[in-house]
Amino acid sequence: MAKSTRPVISSSDRLKIRAIKRSILKCLTEDFQYGTTKSGLPLKRKKENLALFRTPEGFAVWQNTNLTMVMDAVVLGIYLAYGAEDTDTEEEGK
């Protein structure tokens, strides 16, 4: 059998992966507002994220939850994890 080669992941990469995972789970399971302008100022009307799944059970909140809705939440989680220390919500500061 061929020996499989696993990628070497540094500890800093593991921390980044955990942060991305937390951000994605937040986007899938929590309602919150987010958003800033390109200059870093808060938007006059913030964007709103609505939870797709209930946290303890993992059941869908909405009846017709589809893959597009889930992928939009995942992409938002990645954007928030990478881009933006300034778009953190009030709940994370607690």
PDB file of N, CA and C in Angstrom:
ATOM      1  N   MET A   1       0.827  -1.183   0.000  1.00  0.00           N
ATOM      2  CA  MET A   1       0.000   0.000   0.000  1.00  0.00           C
ATOM      3  C   MET A   1       0.872   1.247   0.000  1.00  0.00           C
ATOM      4  N   ALA A   2       0.367   2.260  -0.632  1.00  0.00           N
ATOM      5  CA  ALA A   2       1.080   3.534  -0.670  1.00  0.00           C
ATOM      6  C   ALA A   2       0.885   4.269   0.646  1.00  0.00           C
ATOM      7  N   LYS A   3       1.952   4.851   1.092  1.00  0.00           N
ATOM      8  CA  LYS A   3       1.901   5.585   2.344  1.00  0.00           C
ATOM      9  C   LYS A   3       1.255   6.949   2.079  1.00  0.00           C
ATOM     10  N   SER A   4       0.221   7.273   2.869  1.00  0.00           N
ATOM     11  CA  SER A   4      -0.450   8.557   2.667  1.00  0.00           C
ATOM     12  C   SER A   4       0.363   9.668   3.334  1.00  0.00           C
ATOM     13  N   THR A   5       0.400  10.783   2.680  1.00  0.00           N
ATOM     14  CA  THR A   5       1.108  11.921   3.244  1.00  0.00           C
ATOM     15  C   THR A   5       0.089  12.927   3.741  1.00  0.00           C
ATOM     16  N   ARG A   6       0.170  13.231   5.012  1.00  0.00           N
ATOM     17  CA  ARG A   6      -0.729  14.206   5.605  1.00  0.00           C
ATOM     18  C   ARG A   6      -0.053  15.560   5.578  1.00  0.00           C
ATOM     19  N   PRO A   7      -0.826  16.594   5.307  1.00  0.00           N
ATOM     20  CA  PRO A   7      -0.216  17.919   5.308  1.00  0.00           C
ATOM     21  C   PRO A   7       0.218  18.306   6.721  1.00  0.00           C
ATOM     22  N   VAL A   8       1.306  19.007   6.797  1.00  0.00           N
ATOM     23  CA  VAL A   8       1.795  19.473   8.081  1.00  0.00           C
ATOM     24  C   VAL A   8       1.117  20.810   8.373  1.00  0.00           C
ATOM     25  N   ILE A   9       0.419  20.848   9.490  1.00  0.00           N
ATOM     26  CA  ILE A   9      -0.310  22.058   9.865  1.00  0.00           C
ATOM     27  C   ILE A   9       0.344  22.634  11.113  1.00  0.00           C
ATOM     28  N   SER A  10       0.750  23.878  11.016  1.00  0.00           N
ATOM     29  CA  SER A  10       1.407  24.524  12.158  1.00  0.00           C
ATOM     30  C   SER A  10       0.379  24.901  13.214  1.00  0.00           C
ATOM     31  N   SER A  11       0.852  25.229  14.390  1.00  0.00           N
ATOM     32  CA  SER A  11      -0.061  25.595  15.467  1.00  0.00           C
ATOM     33  C   SER A  11      -0.787  26.899  15.158  1.00  0.00           C
ATOM     34  N   SER A  12      -0.137  27.820  14.462  1.00  0.00           N
ATOM     35  CA  SER A  12      -0.819  29.066  14.101  1.00  0.00           C
ATOM     36  C   SER A  12      -1.926  28.807  13.080  1.00  0.00           C
ATOM     37  N   ASP A  13      -1.690  27.845  12.163  1.00  0.00           N
ATOM     38  CA  ASP A  13      -2.736  27.467  11.212  1.00  0.00           C
ATOM     39  C   ASP A  13      -3.906  26.811  11.930  1.00  0.00           C
ATOM     40  N   ARG A  14      -3.619  25.999  12.925  1.00  0.00           N
ATOM     41  CA  ARG A  14      -4.697  25.370  13.690  1.00  0.00           C
ATOM     42  C   ARG A  14      -5.549  26.416  14.402  1.00  0.00           C
ATOM     43  N   LEU A  15      -4.907  27.445  14.929  1.00  0.00           N
ATOM     44  CA  LEU A  15      -5.655  28.522  15.583  1.00  0.00           C
ATOM     45  C   LEU A  15      -6.538  29.257  14.580  1.00  0.00           C
ATOM     46  N   LYS A  16      -6.032  29.491  13.382  1.00  0.00           N
ATOM     47  CA  LYS A  16      -6.828  30.130  12.340  1.00  0.00           C
ATOM     48  C   LYS A  16      -8.022  29.264  11.954  1.00  0.00           C
ATOM     49  N   ILE A  17      -7.791  27.958  11.835  1.00  0.00           N
ATOM     50  CA  ILE A  17      -8.865  27.036  11.470  1.00  0.00           C
ATOM     51  C   ILE A  17      -9.937  27.030  12.558  1.00  0.00           C
ATOM     52  N   ARG A  18      -9.534  27.029  13.813  1.00  0.00           N
ATOM     53  CA  ARG A  18     -10.512  27.072  14.908  1.00  0.00           C
ATOM     54  C   ARG A  18     -11.316  28.363  14.892  1.00  0.00           C
ATOM     55  N   ALA A  19     -10.646  29.484  14.608  1.00  0.00           N
ATOM     56  CA  ALA A  19     -11.344  30.771  14.550  1.00  0.00           C
ATOM     57  C   ALA A  19     -12.360  30.786  13.407  1.00  0.00           C
ATOM     58  N   ILE A  20     -11.985  30.232  12.272  1.00  0.00           N
ATOM     59  CA  ILE A  20     -12.901  30.159  11.130  1.00  0.00           C
ATOM     60  C   ILE A  20     -14.085  29.272  11.475  1.00  0.00           C
ATOM     61  N   LYS A  21     -13.837  28.132  12.110  1.00  0.00           N
ATOM     62  CA  LYS A  21     -14.909  27.219  12.481  1.00  0.00           C
ATOM     63  C   LYS A  21     -15.878  27.892  13.454  1.00  0.00           C
ATOM     64  N   ARG A  22     -15.346  28.603  14.457  1.00  0.00           N
ATOM     65  CA  ARG A  22     -16.208  29.309  15.408  1.00  0.00           C
ATOM     66  C   ARG A  22     -17.064  30.347  14.693  1.00  0.00           C
ATOM     67  N   SER A  23     -16.463  31.063  13.758  1.00  0.00           N
ATOM     68  CA  SER A  23     -17.188  32.091  13.027  1.00  0.00           C
ATOM     69  C   SER A  23     -18.298  31.482  12.162  1.00  0.00           C
ATOM     70  N   ILE A  24     -18.006  30.370  11.501  1.00  0.00           N
ATOM     71  CA  ILE A  24     -19.018  29.693  10.681  1.00  0.00           C
ATOM     72  C   ILE A  24     -20.155  29.191  11.555  1.00  0.00           C
ATOM     73  N   LEU A  25     -19.834  28.570  12.683  1.00  0.00           N
ATOM     74  CA  LEU A  25     -20.884  28.087  13.580  1.00  0.00           C
ATOM     75  C   LEU A  25     -21.729  29.228  14.111  1.00  0.00           C
ATOM     76  N   LYS A  26     -21.113  30.357  14.384  1.00  0.00           N
ATOM     77  CA  LYS A  26     -21.859  31.527  14.842  1.00  0.00           C
ATOM     78  C   LYS A  26     -22.844  31.965  13.763  1.00  0.00           C
ATOM     79  N   CYS A  27     -22.393  32.012  12.512  1.00  0.00           N
ATOM     80  CA  CYS A  27     -23.272  32.430  11.414  1.00  0.00           C
ATOM     81  C   CYS A  27     -24.412  31.446  11.180  1.00  0.00           C
ATOM     82  N   LEU A  28     -24.192  30.178  11.477  1.00  0.00           N
ATOM     83  CA  LEU A  28     -25.237  29.175  11.290  1.00  0.00           C
ATOM     84  C   LEU A  28     -26.225  29.112  12.454  1.00  0.00           C
ATOM     85  N   THR A  29     -25.808  29.529  13.657  1.00  0.00           N
ATOM     86  CA  THR A  29     -26.641  29.280  14.835  1.00  0.00           C
ATOM     87  C   THR A  29     -27.053  30.514  15.632  1.00  0.00           C
ATOM     88  N   GLU A  30     -26.608  31.714  15.245  1.00  0.00           N
ATOM     89  CA  GLU A  30     -26.927  32.904  16.033  1.00  0.00           C
ATOM     90  C   GLU A  30     -27.489  34.013  15.160  1.00  0.00           C
ATOM     91  N   ASP A  31     -28.411  34.781  15.738  1.00  0.00           N
ATOM     92  CA  ASP A  31     -28.899  36.004  15.104  1.00  0.00           C
ATOM     93  C   ASP A  31     -28.006  37.145  15.561  1.00  0.00           C
ATOM     94  N   PHE A  32     -27.503  37.949  14.634  1.00  0.00           N
ATOM     95  CA  PHE A  32     -26.700  39.111  15.001  1.00  0.00           C
ATOM     96  C   PHE A  32     -26.664  40.094  13.849  1.00  0.00           C
ATOM     97  N   GLN A  33     -26.266  41.324  14.161  1.00  0.00           N
ATOM     98  CA  GLN A  33     -26.089  42.364  13.160  1.00  0.00           C
ATOM     99  C   GLN A  33     -24.599  42.575  12.933  1.00  0.00           C
ATOM    100  N   TYR A  34     -24.236  42.970  11.717  1.00  0.00           N
ATOM    101  CA  TYR A  34     -22.832  43.175  11.389  1.00  0.00           C
ATOM    102  C   TYR A  34     -22.708  44.217  10.304  1.00  0.00           C
ATOM    103  N   GLY A  35     -21.514  44.697  10.091  1.00  0.00           N
ATOM    104  CA  GLY A  35     -21.222  45.530   8.936  1.00  0.00           C
ATOM    105  C   GLY A  35     -20.535  46.832   9.269  1.00  0.00           C
ATOM    106  N   THR A  36     -19.566  47.181   8.434  1.00  0.00           N
ATOM    107  CA  THR A  36     -18.896  48.479   8.470  1.00  0.00           C
ATOM    108  C   THR A  36     -18.688  48.927   7.035  1.00  0.00           C
ATOM    109  N   THR A  37     -18.414  50.199   6.865  1.00  0.00           N
ATOM    110  CA  THR A  37     -18.087  50.711   5.542  1.00  0.00           C
ATOM    111  C   THR A  37     -16.621  50.411   5.243  1.00  0.00           C
ATOM    112  N   LYS A  38     -16.185  50.704   4.029  1.00  0.00           N
ATOM    113  CA  LYS A  38     -14.786  50.458   3.666  1.00  0.00           C
ATOM    114  C   LYS A  38     -13.831  51.288   4.513  1.00  0.00           C
ATOM    115  N   SER A  39     -14.307  52.443   4.971  1.00  0.00           N
ATOM    116  CA  SER A  39     -13.451  53.294   5.792  1.00  0.00           C
ATOM    117  C   SER A  39     -13.432  52.856   7.255  1.00  0.00           C
ATOM    118  N   GLY A  40     -14.241  51.849   7.604  1.00  0.00           N
ATOM    119  CA  GLY A  40     -14.252  51.344   8.967  1.00  0.00           C
ATOM    120  C   GLY A  40     -15.352  51.921   9.828  1.00  0.00           C
ATOM    121  N   LEU A  41     -16.115  52.875   9.294  1.00  0.00           N
ATOM    122  CA  LEU A  41     -17.220  53.448  10.049  1.00  0.00           C
ATOM    123  C   LEU A  41     -18.410  52.495  10.050  1.00  0.00           C
ATOM    124  N   PRO A  42     -19.227  52.500  11.101  1.00  0.00           N
ATOM    125  CA  PRO A  42     -20.390  51.615  11.108  1.00  0.00           C
ATOM    126  C   PRO A  42     -21.411  52.042  10.055  1.00  0.00           C
ATOM    127  N   LEU A  43     -22.109  51.080   9.508  1.00  0.00           N
ATOM    128  CA  LEU A  43     -23.162  51.371   8.541  1.00  0.00           C
ATOM    129  C   LEU A  43     -24.332  52.041   9.242  1.00  0.00           C
ATOM    130  N   LYS A  44     -25.077  52.887   8.513  1.00  0.00           N
ATOM    131  CA  LYS A  44     -26.270  53.504   9.095  1.00  0.00           C
ATOM    132  C   LYS A  44     -27.311  52.433   9.398  1.00  0.00           C
ATOM    133  N   ARG A  45     -27.417  51.457   8.519  1.00  0.00           N
ATOM    134  CA  ARG A  45     -28.337  50.346   8.731  1.00  0.00           C
ATOM    135  C   ARG A  45     -27.515  49.065   8.625  1.00  0.00           C
ATOM    136  N   LYS A  46     -27.307  48.405   9.744  1.00  0.00           N
ATOM    137  CA  LYS A  46     -26.469  47.201   9.752  1.00  0.00           C
ATOM    138  C   LYS A  46     -27.170  46.040   9.061  1.00  0.00           C
ATOM    139  N   LYS A  47     -26.360  45.136   8.546  1.00  0.00           N
ATOM    140  CA  LYS A  47     -26.891  43.918   7.937  1.00  0.00           C
ATOM    141  C   LYS A  47     -27.238  42.949   9.052  1.00  0.00           C
ATOM    142  N   GLU A  48     -28.152  42.043   8.782  1.00  0.00           N
ATOM    143  CA  GLU A  48     -28.606  41.124   9.819  1.00  0.00           C
ATOM    144  C   GLU A  48     -28.412  39.682   9.372  1.00  0.00           C
ATOM    145  N   ASN A  49     -27.876  38.877  10.269  1.00  0.00           N
ATOM    146  CA  ASN A  49     -27.731  37.452  10.034  1.00  0.00           C
ATOM    147  C   ASN A  49     -28.788  36.730  10.870  1.00  0.00           C
ATOM    148  N   LEU A  50     -29.545  35.843  10.249  1.00  0.00           N
ATOM    149  CA  LEU A  50     -30.539  35.055  10.969  1.00  0.00           C
ATOM    150  C   LEU A  50     -30.058  33.619  11.076  1.00  0.00           C
ATOM    151  N   ALA A  51     -30.210  33.046  12.247  1.00  0.00           N
ATOM    152  CA  ALA A  51     -29.763  31.669  12.481  1.00  0.00           C
ATOM    153  C   ALA A  51     -30.534  30.702  11.593  1.00  0.00           C
ATOM    154  N   LEU A  52     -29.833  29.701  11.081  1.00  0.00           N
ATOM    155  CA  LEU A  52     -30.473  28.659  10.283  1.00  0.00           C
ATOM    156  C   LEU A  52     -30.740  27.405  11.104  1.00  0.00           C
ATOM    157  N   PHE A  53     -29.958  27.202  12.163  1.00  0.00           N
ATOM    158  CA  PHE A  53     -30.078  25.999  12.975  1.00  0.00           C
ATOM    159  C   PHE A  53     -30.134  26.353  14.451  1.00  0.00           C
ATOM    160  N   ARG A  54     -30.846  25.539  15.237  1.00  0.00           N
ATOM    161  CA  ARG A  54     -30.868  25.699  16.689  1.00  0.00           C
ATOM    162  C   ARG A  54     -29.629  25.053  17.261  1.00  0.00           C
ATOM    163  N   THR A  55     -28.994  25.712  18.212  1.00  0.00           N
ATOM    164  CA  THR A  55     -27.708  25.261  18.732  1.00  0.00           C
ATOM    165  C   THR A  55     -27.748  23.896  19.404  1.00  0.00           C
ATOM    166  N   PRO A  56     -28.580  23.659  20.434  1.00  0.00           N
ATOM    167  CA  PRO A  56     -28.449  22.373  21.137  1.00  0.00           C
ATOM    168  C   PRO A  56     -28.839  21.172  20.288  1.00  0.00           C
ATOM    169  N   GLU A  57     -29.927  21.300  19.523  1.00  0.00           N
ATOM    170  CA  GLU A  57     -30.423  20.129  18.782  1.00  0.00           C
ATOM    171  C   GLU A  57     -29.817  20.002  17.394  1.00  0.00           C
ATOM    172  N   GLY A  58     -29.514  21.141  16.764  1.00  0.00           N
ATOM    173  CA  GLY A  58     -28.998  21.113  15.405  1.00  0.00           C
ATOM    174  C   GLY A  58     -30.086  21.056  14.354  1.00  0.00           C
ATOM    175  N   PHE A  59     -31.343  21.234  14.771  1.00  0.00           N
ATOM    176  CA  PHE A  59     -32.453  21.201  13.819  1.00  0.00           C
ATOM    177  C   PHE A  59     -32.574  22.528  13.105  1.00  0.00           C
ATOM    178  N   ALA A  60     -33.084  22.487  11.881  1.00  0.00           N
ATOM    179  CA  ALA A  60     -33.262  23.701  11.094  1.00  0.00           C
ATOM    180  C   ALA A  60     -34.354  24.572  11.698  1.00  0.00           C
ATOM    181  N   VAL A  61     -34.121  25.865  11.709  1.00  0.00           N
ATOM    182  CA  VAL A  61     -35.105  26.826  12.206  1.00  0.00           C
ATOM    183  C   VAL A  61     -36.178  27.051  11.150  1.00  0.00           C
ATOM    184  N   TRP A  62     -35.767  27.150   9.907  1.00  0.00           N
ATOM    185  CA  TRP A  62     -36.678  27.421   8.808  1.00  0.00           C
ATOM    186  C   TRP A  62     -37.062  26.104   8.126  1.00  0.00           C
ATOM    187  N   GLN A  63     -38.281  26.049   7.626  1.00  0.00           N
ATOM    188  CA  GLN A  63     -38.787  24.816   7.032  1.00  0.00           C
ATOM    189  C   GLN A  63     -38.087  24.463   5.720  1.00  0.00           C
ATOM    190  N   ASN A  64     -37.821  25.432   4.900  1.00  0.00           N
ATOM    191  CA  ASN A  64     -37.236  25.162   3.582  1.00  0.00           C
ATOM    192  C   ASN A  64     -35.766  25.561   3.513  1.00  0.00           C
ATOM    193  N   THR A  65     -34.991  25.192   4.506  1.00  0.00           N
ATOM    194  CA  THR A  65     -33.560  25.498   4.496  1.00  0.00           C
ATOM    195  C   THR A  65     -32.898  24.713   3.367  1.00  0.00           C
ATOM    196  N   ASN A  66     -32.161  25.418   2.508  1.00  0.00           N
ATOM    197  CA  ASN A  66     -31.521  24.731   1.394  1.00  0.00           C
ATOM    198  C   ASN A  66     -30.007  24.959   1.428  1.00  0.00           C
ATOM    199  N   LEU A  67     -29.317  24.323   0.527  1.00  0.00           N
ATOM    200  CA  LEU A  67     -27.861  24.384   0.498  1.00  0.00           C
ATOM    201  C   LEU A  67     -27.351  25.794   0.227  1.00  0.00           C
ATOM    202  N   THR A  68     -28.058  26.563  -0.567  1.00  0.00           N
ATOM    203  CA  THR A  68     -27.639  27.932  -0.845  1.00  0.00           C
ATOM    204  C   THR A  68     -27.635  28.768   0.425  1.00  0.00           C
ATOM    205  N   MET A  69     -28.644  28.624   1.255  1.00  0.00           N
ATOM    206  CA  MET A  69     -28.705  29.361   2.513  1.00  0.00           C
ATOM    207  C   MET A  69     -27.540  28.979   3.424  1.00  0.00           C
ATOM    208  N   VAL A  70     -27.240  27.697   3.486  1.00  0.00           N
ATOM    209  CA  VAL A  70     -26.142  27.219   4.328  1.00  0.00           C
ATOM    210  C   VAL A  70     -24.805  27.737   3.798  1.00  0.00           C
ATOM    211  N   MET A  71     -24.592  27.660   2.497  1.00  0.00           N
ATOM    212  CA  MET A  71     -23.327  28.119   1.930  1.00  0.00           C
ATOM    213  C   MET A  71     -23.159  29.628   2.090  1.00  0.00           C
ATOM    214  N   ASP A  72     -24.241  30.394   2.002  1.00  0.00           N
ATOM    215  CA  ASP A  72     -24.147  31.836   2.244  1.00  0.00           C
ATOM    216  C   ASP A  72     -23.690  32.110   3.676  1.00  0.00           C
ATOM    217  N   ALA A  73     -24.202  31.350   4.639  1.00  0.00           N
ATOM    218  CA  ALA A  73     -23.786  31.518   6.031  1.00  0.00           C
ATOM    219  C   ALA A  73     -22.324  31.107   6.222  1.00  0.00           C
ATOM    220  N   VAL A  74     -21.890  30.058   5.542  1.00  0.00           N
ATOM    221  CA  VAL A  74     -20.495  29.611   5.636  1.00  0.00           C
ATOM    222  C   VAL A  74     -19.560  30.676   5.058  1.00  0.00           C
ATOM    223  N   VAL A  75     -19.910  31.219   3.915  1.00  0.00           N
ATOM    224  CA  VAL A  75     -19.079  32.249   3.292  1.00  0.00           C
ATOM    225  C   VAL A  75     -19.021  33.488   4.184  1.00  0.00           C
ATOM    226  N   LEU A  76     -20.149  33.884   4.766  1.00  0.00           N
ATOM    227  CA  LEU A  76     -20.153  35.017   5.682  1.00  0.00           C
ATOM    228  C   LEU A  76     -19.237  34.737   6.874  1.00  0.00           C
ATOM    229  N   GLY A  77     -19.282  33.513   7.402  1.00  0.00           N
ATOM    230  CA  GLY A  77     -18.409  33.150   8.511  1.00  0.00           C
ATOM    231  C   GLY A  77     -16.939  33.259   8.153  1.00  0.00           C
ATOM    232  N   ILE A  78     -16.594  32.845   6.948  1.00  0.00           N
ATOM    233  CA  ILE A  78     -15.199  32.946   6.505  1.00  0.00           C
ATOM    234  C   ILE A  78     -14.798  34.409   6.356  1.00  0.00           C
ATOM    235  N   TYR A  79     -15.667  35.222   5.757  1.00  0.00           N
ATOM    236  CA  TYR A  79     -15.370  36.649   5.630  1.00  0.00           C
ATOM    237  C   TYR A  79     -15.181  37.302   6.992  1.00  0.00           C
ATOM    238  N   LEU A  80     -16.062  36.989   7.927  1.00  0.00           N
ATOM    239  CA  LEU A  80     -15.956  37.599   9.252  1.00  0.00           C
ATOM    240  C   LEU A  80     -14.701  37.124   9.980  1.00  0.00           C
ATOM    241  N   ALA A  81     -14.337  35.856   9.796  1.00  0.00           N
ATOM    242  CA  ALA A  81     -13.145  35.332  10.467  1.00  0.00           C
ATOM    243  C   ALA A  81     -11.870  35.947   9.894  1.00  0.00           C
ATOM    244  N   TYR A  82     -11.824  36.110   8.565  1.00  0.00           N
ATOM    245  CA  TYR A  82     -10.616  36.632   7.956  1.00  0.00           C
ATOM    246  C   TYR A  82     -10.550  38.125   8.014  1.00  0.00           C
ATOM    247  N   GLY A  83     -11.675  38.765   7.674  1.00  0.00           N
ATOM    248  CA  GLY A  83     -11.591  40.153   7.413  1.00  0.00           C
ATOM    249  C   GLY A  83     -11.800  41.008   8.560  1.00  0.00           C
ATOM    250  N   ALA A  84     -12.252  40.445   9.592  1.00  0.00           N
ATOM    251  CA  ALA A  84     -12.625  41.591  10.263  1.00  0.00           C
ATOM    252  C   ALA A  84     -12.691  41.502  11.735  1.00  0.00           C
ATOM    253  N   GLU A  85     -11.641  41.978  12.266  1.00  0.00           N
ATOM    254  CA  GLU A  85     -11.661  42.189  13.693  1.00  0.00           C
ATOM    255  C   GLU A  85     -12.601  43.335  14.008  1.00  0.00           C
ATOM    256  N   ASP A  86     -12.773  44.278  13.078  1.00  0.00           N
ATOM    257  CA  ASP A  86     -13.638  45.427  13.332  1.00  0.00           C
ATOM    258  C   ASP A  86     -15.116  45.113  13.134  1.00  0.00           C
ATOM    259  N   THR A  87     -15.483  43.936  12.583  1.00  0.00           N
ATOM    260  CA  THR A  87     -16.886  43.603  12.417  1.00  0.00           C
ATOM    261  C   THR A  87     -17.377  42.640  13.493  1.00  0.00           C
ATOM    262  N   ASP A  88     -16.554  42.408  14.535  1.00  0.00           N
ATOM    263  CA  ASP A  88     -17.002  41.562  15.625  1.00  0.00           C
ATOM    264  C   ASP A  88     -18.244  42.156  16.251  1.00  0.00           C
ATOM    265  N   THR A  89     -19.125  41.293  16.726  1.00  0.00           N
ATOM    266  CA  THR A  89     -20.359  41.763  17.328  1.00  0.00           C
ATOM    267  C   THR A  89     -20.186  41.896  18.829  1.00  0.00           C
ATOM    268  N   GLU A  90     -21.176  42.480  19.460  1.00  0.00           N
ATOM    269  CA  GLU A  90     -21.100  42.737  20.885  1.00  0.00           C
ATOM    270  C   GLU A  90     -21.053  41.438  21.707  1.00  0.00           C
ATOM    271  N   GLU A  91     -21.678  40.371  21.224  1.00  0.00           N
ATOM    272  CA  GLU A  91     -21.723  39.124  21.976  1.00  0.00           C
ATOM    273  C   GLU A  91     -20.335  38.528  22.171  1.00  0.00           C
ATOM    274  N   GLU A  92     -19.439  38.689  21.207  1.00  0.00           N
ATOM    275  CA  GLU A  92     -18.110  38.087  21.330  1.00  0.00           C
ATOM    276  C   GLU A  92     -17.273  38.799  22.379  1.00  0.00           C
ATOM    277  N   GLY A  93     -17.560  40.050  22.652  1.00  0.00           N
ATOM    278  CA  GLY A  93     -16.798  40.794  23.629  1.00  0.00           C
ATOM    279  C   GLY A  93     -17.087  40.383  25.052  1.00  0.00           C
ATOM    280  N   LYS A  94     -18.151  39.644  25.263  1.00  0.00           N
ATOM    281  CA  LYS A  94     -18.545  39.238  26.627  1.00  0.00           C
ATOM    282  C   LYS A  94     -17.739  38.080  27.132  1.00  0.00           C
TER     283      LYS A  94
END
